[in-house]
């Protein structure tokens, strides 16, 4: 049975002012931009919590650095302020001023190689920006937990897809995108959490896909305004809901049926993912993942409560609603292999 290390030696991970500043910066990024994950991470042991925050900050750097497609690579705001893909000394010497995605990916690959080879160069700690501090923390984390480098290249490919693919014909195509923007993040976190069974990664991938699909359903309005239609075109055709309807924010019975179908798909992924939670380390890691599952799947409940109207109001959970889901997360975390899963989802509500 293949397993990952449950307790890497991180005794020196936060020793010294540079390390302390690095992990503090990553923690601040996580607190500002990932409130649900920040809440769930309180259950982790301190070393794993710091590592998880560092990884989140780095993943956010990757997404932001690829977000400026129309600017020269050396002058892009995302690259200038997020050192995941920009050298802090002398700029980018190999990519030129094309600003192309290929150049950005090549530069990111070089940057990642430097990090994993221990060649990371940053200014002196007292002169570092917050992203540079967080990058230092990530370098320590990647080394300590031996996170596969390919995971971050897969995430970068997801960023490329965000900028080059505006439509997905089938669920199979969208599922691949959900892997690159959600599933691989779950695998990265699993490397930190630690697993006791070789099948844990596949279940984690399903959870990441489910979370990305949940975001897609919640953010249909904003994505449509940016010219992106993530709903599979085959499903839209099946339920007779057009791109014009989507652009107009039409909430009709066709749309409700389409959303019920997608929510059912997401819940099936969550259900399958839940089967593997028992294979995560039982040191708070399992409870953290369980909390993320029940909070994120709760967004689907909120969409239903809003009668599937994701255009005039944002489906979200209040802090009180999140706290009320913690008992379910606790029951999930206490489940043993082969044990019955606690109920994850409410009885399907009739549209009002």
Protein backbone atom coordinates (compact mmCIF):
# COMPACT_ATOMS: atom_id res chain seq x y z
CA UNK A 1 0.00 0.00 0.00
CA UNK A 2 1.59 3.25 -1.13
CA UNK A 3 1.37 6.10 1.34
CA UNK A 4 2.88 9.53 1.79
CA UNK A 5 4.76 10.70 4.85
CA UNK A 6 2.33 11.78 7.55
CA UNK A 7 4.71 13.93 9.57
CA UNK A 8 7.59 15.44 7.56
CA UNK A 9 10.41 16.91 9.55
CA UNK A 10 9.51 20.59 9.69
CA UNK A 11 11.27 21.43 12.92
CA UNK A 12 13.31 24.12 11.17
CA UNK A 13 10.61 25.29 8.77
CA UNK A 14 9.77 28.42 10.73
CA UNK A 15 13.08 29.07 12.45
CA UNK A 16 14.58 32.50 12.01
CA UNK A 17 13.09 35.85 11.03
CA UNK A 18 13.06 35.13 7.27
CA UNK A 19 11.00 32.00 7.73
CA UNK A 20 8.68 33.63 10.25
CA UNK A 21 8.09 36.58 7.90
CA UNK A 22 7.52 34.22 4.97
CA UNK A 23 4.87 32.12 6.64
CA UNK A 24 3.22 35.20 8.15
CA UNK A 25 2.91 36.71 4.68
CA UNK A 26 1.38 33.51 3.29
CA UNK A 27 -1.03 33.38 6.20
CA UNK A 28 -2.11 36.97 5.50
CA UNK A 29 -2.78 36.17 1.84
CA UNK A 30 -4.87 33.17 2.82
CA UNK A 31 -6.82 35.12 5.44
CA UNK A 32 -7.70 37.85 2.90
CA UNK A 33 -8.59 35.72 -0.08
CA UNK A 34 -9.66 32.26 1.14
CA UNK A 35 -11.88 32.77 4.18
CA UNK A 36 -13.44 29.29 4.09
CA UNK A 37 -10.10 27.54 3.78
CA UNK A 38 -8.58 29.79 6.43
CA UNK A 39 -11.39 28.76 8.77
CA UNK A 40 -10.95 25.06 8.00
CA UNK A 41 -7.18 25.21 8.42
CA UNK A 42 -7.46 25.98 12.14
CA UNK A 43 -7.81 22.24 12.73
CA UNK A 44 -4.40 21.46 11.23
CA UNK A 45 -1.25 21.04 13.30
CA UNK A 46 0.76 24.25 13.20
CA UNK A 47 3.41 23.04 10.72
CA UNK A 48 0.83 21.70 8.28
CA UNK A 49 -1.28 24.83 8.64
CA UNK A 50 1.67 27.06 7.78
CA UNK A 51 2.53 24.81 4.84
CA UNK A 52 -1.04 24.87 3.55
CA UNK A 53 -1.13 28.66 3.70
CA UNK A 54 2.18 28.85 1.81
CA UNK A 55 0.88 26.58 -0.92
CA UNK A 56 -2.35 28.56 -1.22
CA UNK A 57 -0.39 31.81 -1.56
CA UNK A 58 1.79 30.31 -4.28
CA UNK A 59 -1.20 28.95 -6.21
CA UNK A 60 -2.75 32.40 -6.07
CA UNK A 61 0.47 33.93 -7.40
CA UNK A 62 0.35 31.57 -10.36
CA UNK A 63 -3.24 32.49 -11.20
CA UNK A 64 -2.62 36.22 -10.89
CA UNK A 65 0.62 36.12 -12.85
CA UNK A 66 -1.13 34.54 -15.84
CA UNK A 67 -4.10 36.88 -15.66
CA UNK A 68 -2.61 39.73 -17.74
CA UNK A 69 -2.55 38.29 -21.24
CA UNK A 70 -2.39 41.56 -23.17
CA UNK A 71 0.72 43.03 -21.57
CA UNK A 72 4.38 42.41 -22.28
CA UNK A 73 5.73 39.68 -20.08
CA UNK A 74 8.35 41.89 -18.43
CA UNK A 75 5.91 44.69 -17.80
CA UNK A 76 2.76 42.78 -16.85
CA UNK A 77 1.39 43.81 -13.49
CA UNK A 78 0.89 40.20 -12.45
CA UNK A 79 4.47 39.26 -13.27
CA UNK A 80 5.99 42.37 -11.79
CA UNK A 81 4.30 41.94 -8.43
CA UNK A 82 4.13 38.17 -8.22
CA UNK A 83 7.57 36.59 -8.30
CA UNK A 84 6.32 33.11 -9.09
CA UNK A 85 7.26 33.76 -12.69
CA UNK A 86 9.49 36.84 -12.56
CA UNK A 87 13.11 36.89 -11.55
CA UNK A 88 13.74 39.40 -8.75
CA UNK A 89 17.19 40.13 -10.17
CA UNK A 90 17.46 41.43 -13.71
CA UNK A 91 13.98 40.54 -14.93
CA UNK A 92 13.25 37.78 -17.41
CA UNK A 93 16.28 37.19 -19.57
CA UNK A 94 14.91 34.45 -21.77
CA UNK A 95 11.30 35.19 -22.56
CA UNK A 96 11.54 38.49 -24.39
CA UNK A 97 8.77 41.07 -24.71
CA UNK A 98 6.22 38.84 -26.43
CA UNK A 99 3.90 38.43 -23.49
CA UNK A 100 2.80 35.10 -24.95
CA UNK A 101 1.40 32.35 -22.79
CA UNK A 102 4.08 29.99 -24.06
CA UNK A 103 6.72 32.42 -22.81
CA UNK A 104 5.01 32.76 -19.48
CA UNK A 105 4.77 29.01 -19.05
CA UNK A 106 8.43 28.61 -20.00
CA UNK A 107 9.43 31.29 -17.51
CA UNK A 108 7.30 29.72 -14.81
CA UNK A 109 8.84 26.31 -15.51
CA UNK A 110 12.32 27.81 -15.09
CA UNK A 111 11.24 29.53 -11.89
CA UNK A 112 9.79 26.29 -10.55
CA UNK A 113 12.96 24.41 -11.45
CA UNK A 114 14.99 26.97 -9.51
CA UNK A 115 12.74 26.62 -6.47
CA UNK A 116 12.91 22.84 -6.47
CA UNK A 117 16.67 22.83 -7.05
CA UNK A 118 17.27 25.23 -4.17
CA UNK A 119 18.40 28.05 -6.46
CA UNK A 120 15.73 30.54 -5.44
CA UNK A 121 17.11 34.09 -5.33
CA UNK A 122 15.24 36.76 -3.41
CA UNK A 123 16.15 40.17 -2.00
CA UNK A 124 17.31 40.38 1.59
CA UNK A 125 14.39 39.64 3.96
CA UNK A 126 14.04 43.26 5.06
CA UNK A 127 13.55 44.32 1.41
CA UNK A 128 11.06 41.65 0.32
CA UNK A 129 7.50 42.32 -0.76
CA UNK A 130 4.69 40.22 0.67
CA UNK A 131 4.65 37.89 -2.38
CA UNK A 132 8.42 37.42 -2.10
CA UNK A 133 8.08 36.55 1.58
CA UNK A 134 5.32 34.07 0.70
CA UNK A 135 7.46 32.59 -2.08
CA UNK A 136 10.20 31.91 0.44
CA UNK A 137 7.65 30.08 2.60
CA UNK A 138 6.51 28.06 -0.39
CA UNK A 139 10.07 27.02 -1.20
CA UNK A 140 10.49 25.71 2.33
CA UNK A 141 7.16 23.87 2.09
CA UNK A 142 7.76 22.28 -1.30
CA UNK A 143 11.07 20.90 -0.06
CA UNK A 144 9.75 19.64 3.27
CA UNK A 145 6.70 17.88 1.87
CA UNK A 146 8.19 16.75 -1.46
CA UNK A 147 5.17 18.01 -3.38
CA UNK A 148 5.44 16.81 -7.00
CA UNK A 149 6.55 19.68 -9.20
CA UNK A 150 4.23 18.56 -12.00
CA UNK A 151 1.20 19.49 -9.93
CA UNK A 152 2.09 23.17 -10.25
CA UNK A 153 2.71 22.84 -13.98
CA UNK A 154 -0.75 21.27 -14.26
CA UNK A 155 -2.19 24.25 -12.40
CA UNK A 156 -0.39 26.64 -14.74
CA UNK A 157 -1.94 24.77 -17.66
CA UNK A 158 -5.32 25.44 -16.08
CA UNK A 159 -4.47 29.15 -16.07
CA UNK A 160 -3.65 28.87 -19.77
CA UNK A 161 -7.02 27.21 -20.39
CA UNK A 162 -8.77 30.07 -18.59
CA UNK A 163 -7.28 32.49 -21.11
CA UNK A 164 -7.55 30.41 -24.27
CA UNK A 165 -10.73 28.34 -23.93
CA UNK A 166 -14.04 30.18 -23.59
CA UNK A 167 -16.42 27.26 -24.26
CA UNK A 168 -16.54 23.58 -23.32
CA UNK A 169 -18.55 21.33 -25.59
CA UNK A 170 -18.90 18.38 -23.22
CA UNK A 171 -18.66 17.47 -19.57
CA UNK A 172 -15.57 15.44 -20.38
CA UNK A 173 -13.84 18.59 -21.64
CA UNK A 174 -15.01 20.65 -18.66
CA UNK A 175 -13.96 17.90 -16.25
CA UNK A 176 -10.43 18.11 -17.60
CA UNK A 177 -10.46 21.85 -16.94
CA UNK A 178 -11.82 21.22 -13.42
CA UNK A 179 -8.90 18.87 -12.80
CA UNK A 180 -6.35 21.50 -13.83
CA UNK A 181 -7.96 24.25 -11.73
CA UNK A 182 -9.35 22.27 -8.80
CA UNK A 183 -8.39 18.63 -8.74
CA UNK A 184 -4.67 19.29 -8.84
CA UNK A 185 -4.98 21.79 -5.96
CA UNK A 186 -6.62 19.05 -3.90
CA UNK A 187 -3.71 16.74 -4.73
CA UNK A 188 -1.25 19.40 -3.60
CA UNK A 189 -3.06 19.77 -0.29
CA UNK A 190 -3.19 15.99 0.11
CA UNK A 191 0.61 15.93 -0.12
CA UNK A 192 0.64 18.20 2.92
CA UNK A 193 -2.13 16.46 4.84
CA UNK A 194 -0.60 13.00 4.46
CA UNK A 195 -2.45 9.85 3.44
CA UNK A 196 -2.69 6.26 4.64
CA UNK A 197 -3.96 4.67 1.42
CA UNK A 198 -2.92 4.88 -2.20
CA UNK A 199 -6.50 5.58 -3.30
CA UNK A 200 -6.73 8.85 -1.39
CA UNK A 201 -5.41 10.92 -4.29
CA UNK A 202 -8.19 9.89 -6.68
CA UNK A 203 -10.83 10.82 -4.12
CA UNK A 204 -9.10 14.12 -3.45
CA UNK A 205 -9.13 14.85 -7.18
CA UNK A 206 -12.90 14.38 -7.25
CA UNK A 207 -13.30 16.78 -4.37
CA UNK A 208 -11.25 19.41 -6.16
CA UNK A 209 -13.31 18.96 -9.31
CA UNK A 210 -16.52 19.27 -7.32
CA UNK A 211 -15.33 22.48 -5.70
CA UNK A 212 -14.40 23.99 -9.06
CA UNK A 213 -17.76 23.01 -10.54
CA UNK A 214 -19.46 24.60 -7.52
CA UNK A 215 -17.60 27.84 -8.20
CA UNK A 216 -18.63 27.70 -11.84
CA UNK A 217 -22.31 27.39 -10.92
CA UNK A 218 -22.05 30.21 -8.38
CA UNK A 219 -20.18 32.55 -10.75
CA UNK A 220 -22.15 32.11 -13.98
CA UNK A 221 -22.99 35.81 -14.15
CA UNK A 222 -19.46 37.15 -13.83
CA UNK A 223 -17.99 34.55 -16.17
CA UNK A 224 -20.63 35.28 -18.81
CA UNK A 225 -19.85 38.99 -18.60
CA UNK A 226 -16.22 38.10 -19.37
CA UNK A 227 -17.26 36.06 -22.37
CA UNK A 228 -16.75 32.68 -20.70
CA UNK A 229 -19.36 29.95 -20.75
CA UNK A 230 -18.28 27.06 -18.57
CA UNK A 231 -21.53 25.12 -18.64
CA UNK A 232 -21.10 22.26 -21.13
CA UNK A 233 -22.72 23.25 -24.40
CA UNK A 234 -24.19 19.77 -24.76
CA UNK A 235 -26.04 20.24 -21.47
CA UNK A 236 -27.28 23.69 -22.43
CA UNK A 237 -28.65 22.25 -25.66
CA UNK A 238 -30.25 19.35 -23.82
CA UNK A 239 -32.15 21.69 -21.52
CA UNK A 240 -32.85 24.26 -24.26
CA UNK A 241 -31.03 27.09 -22.55
CA UNK A 242 -29.07 29.32 -24.91
CA UNK A 243 -26.02 31.50 -24.52
CA UNK A 244 -28.29 34.49 -25.09
CA UNK A 245 -30.43 33.34 -22.17
CA UNK A 246 -27.29 33.09 -20.06
CA UNK A 247 -26.09 36.55 -21.07
CA UNK A 248 -29.52 37.97 -20.18
CA UNK A 249 -29.56 36.21 -16.82
CA UNK A 250 -32.77 34.35 -17.63
CA UNK A 251 -34.01 32.21 -14.74
CA UNK A 252 -36.71 30.04 -16.28
CA UNK A 253 -37.69 26.42 -15.82
CA UNK A 254 -35.17 25.32 -18.45
CA UNK A 255 -32.43 27.01 -16.46
CA UNK A 256 -33.62 25.48 -13.20
CA UNK A 257 -33.55 22.01 -14.71
CA UNK A 258 -30.08 22.67 -16.11
CA UNK A 259 -28.89 23.80 -12.69
CA UNK A 260 -30.48 20.82 -10.94
CA UNK A 261 -28.57 18.57 -13.32
CA UNK A 262 -25.25 20.31 -12.63
CA UNK A 263 -25.82 20.39 -8.87
CA UNK A 264 -26.56 16.67 -8.93
CA UNK A 265 -23.29 16.13 -10.82
CA UNK A 266 -21.33 18.17 -8.27
CA UNK A 267 -22.93 16.37 -5.34
CA UNK A 268 -22.09 13.02 -6.86
CA UNK A 269 -18.46 14.09 -7.01
CA UNK A 270 -18.58 15.25 -3.39
CA UNK A 271 -20.15 11.94 -2.37
CA UNK A 272 -17.44 9.96 -4.13
CA UNK A 273 -14.75 12.18 -2.63
CA UNK A 274 -16.15 11.71 0.85
CA UNK A 275 -15.39 8.00 0.66
CA UNK A 276 -11.67 8.81 0.73
CA UNK A 277 -11.61 11.28 3.63
CA UNK A 278 -10.93 8.45 6.06
CA UNK A 279 -7.57 7.90 4.34
CA UNK A 280 -6.21 11.30 5.32
CA UNK A 281 -4.04 11.72 8.40
CA UNK A 282 -6.12 11.83 11.57
CA UNK A 283 -4.30 14.79 13.11
CA UNK A 284 -6.77 17.49 12.10
CA UNK A 285 -6.04 17.06 8.38
CA UNK A 286 -9.11 14.88 7.92
CA UNK A 287 -11.29 17.39 9.77
CA UNK A 288 -9.92 20.26 7.67
CA UNK A 289 -10.77 18.48 4.41
CA UNK A 290 -14.18 17.48 5.76
CA UNK A 291 -14.91 21.07 6.73
CA UNK A 292 -14.00 22.31 3.26
CA UNK A 293 -16.29 19.68 1.76
CA UNK A 294 -19.38 20.56 3.81
CA UNK A 295 -18.84 24.31 3.51
CA UNK A 296 -18.29 24.25 -0.24
CA UNK A 297 -21.13 21.83 -0.92
CA UNK A 298 -23.24 24.20 1.16
CA UNK A 299 -22.96 26.71 -1.68
CA UNK A 300 -25.08 24.32 -3.71
CA UNK A 301 -27.70 24.43 -0.95
CA UNK A 302 -27.60 28.24 -1.12
CA UNK A 303 -28.17 28.16 -4.89
CA UNK A 304 -31.26 26.04 -4.29
CA UNK A 305 -32.51 28.34 -1.52
CA UNK A 306 -32.23 31.22 -3.98
CA UNK A 307 -34.41 29.27 -6.45
CA UNK A 308 -31.34 28.84 -8.69
CA UNK A 309 -31.07 32.60 -9.29
CA UNK A 310 -27.31 33.11 -9.41
CA UNK A 311 -27.66 36.32 -11.40
CA UNK A 312 -29.30 38.73 -8.95
CA UNK A 313 -27.73 37.41 -5.73
CA UNK A 314 -24.55 35.61 -4.82
CA UNK A 315 -24.92 32.14 -3.33
CA UNK A 316 -22.84 32.08 -0.18
CA UNK A 317 -22.86 30.97 3.43
CA UNK A 318 -22.71 33.29 6.40
CA UNK A 319 -20.23 32.63 9.18
CA UNK A 320 -23.07 31.23 11.29
CA UNK A 321 -24.14 28.88 8.51
CA UNK A 322 -20.58 27.66 8.13
CA UNK A 323 -20.32 26.97 11.83
CA UNK A 324 -23.56 25.00 11.76
CA UNK A 325 -21.98 22.61 9.28
CA UNK A 326 -19.10 21.69 11.57
CA UNK A 327 -20.94 18.78 13.27
CA UNK A 328 -21.37 17.12 9.87
CA UNK A 329 -17.68 17.72 9.14
CA UNK A 330 -16.79 16.16 12.49
CA UNK A 331 -18.88 13.07 11.73
CA UNK A 332 -17.22 12.76 8.33
CA UNK A 333 -13.78 13.03 9.90
CA UNK A 334 -14.61 10.34 12.48
CA UNK A 335 -15.81 7.82 9.88
CA UNK A 336 -13.63 4.74 9.54
CA UNK A 337 -12.95 2.90 6.26
CA UNK A 338 -16.04 0.96 5.25
CA UNK A 339 -18.28 2.86 7.64
CA UNK A 340 -21.51 4.51 6.57
CA UNK A 341 -21.26 8.08 5.38
CA UNK A 342 -23.31 10.63 7.30
CA UNK A 343 -25.92 12.49 5.24
CA UNK A 344 -24.12 15.20 3.29
CA UNK A 345 -26.92 16.93 1.44
CA UNK A 346 -30.40 18.13 2.30
CA UNK A 347 -33.50 16.63 0.78
CA UNK A 348 -33.99 18.18 -2.63
CA UNK A 349 -36.11 21.27 -2.36
CA UNK A 350 -38.95 22.09 -4.66
CA UNK A 351 -38.57 25.35 -6.57
CA UNK A 352 -40.52 28.21 -5.08
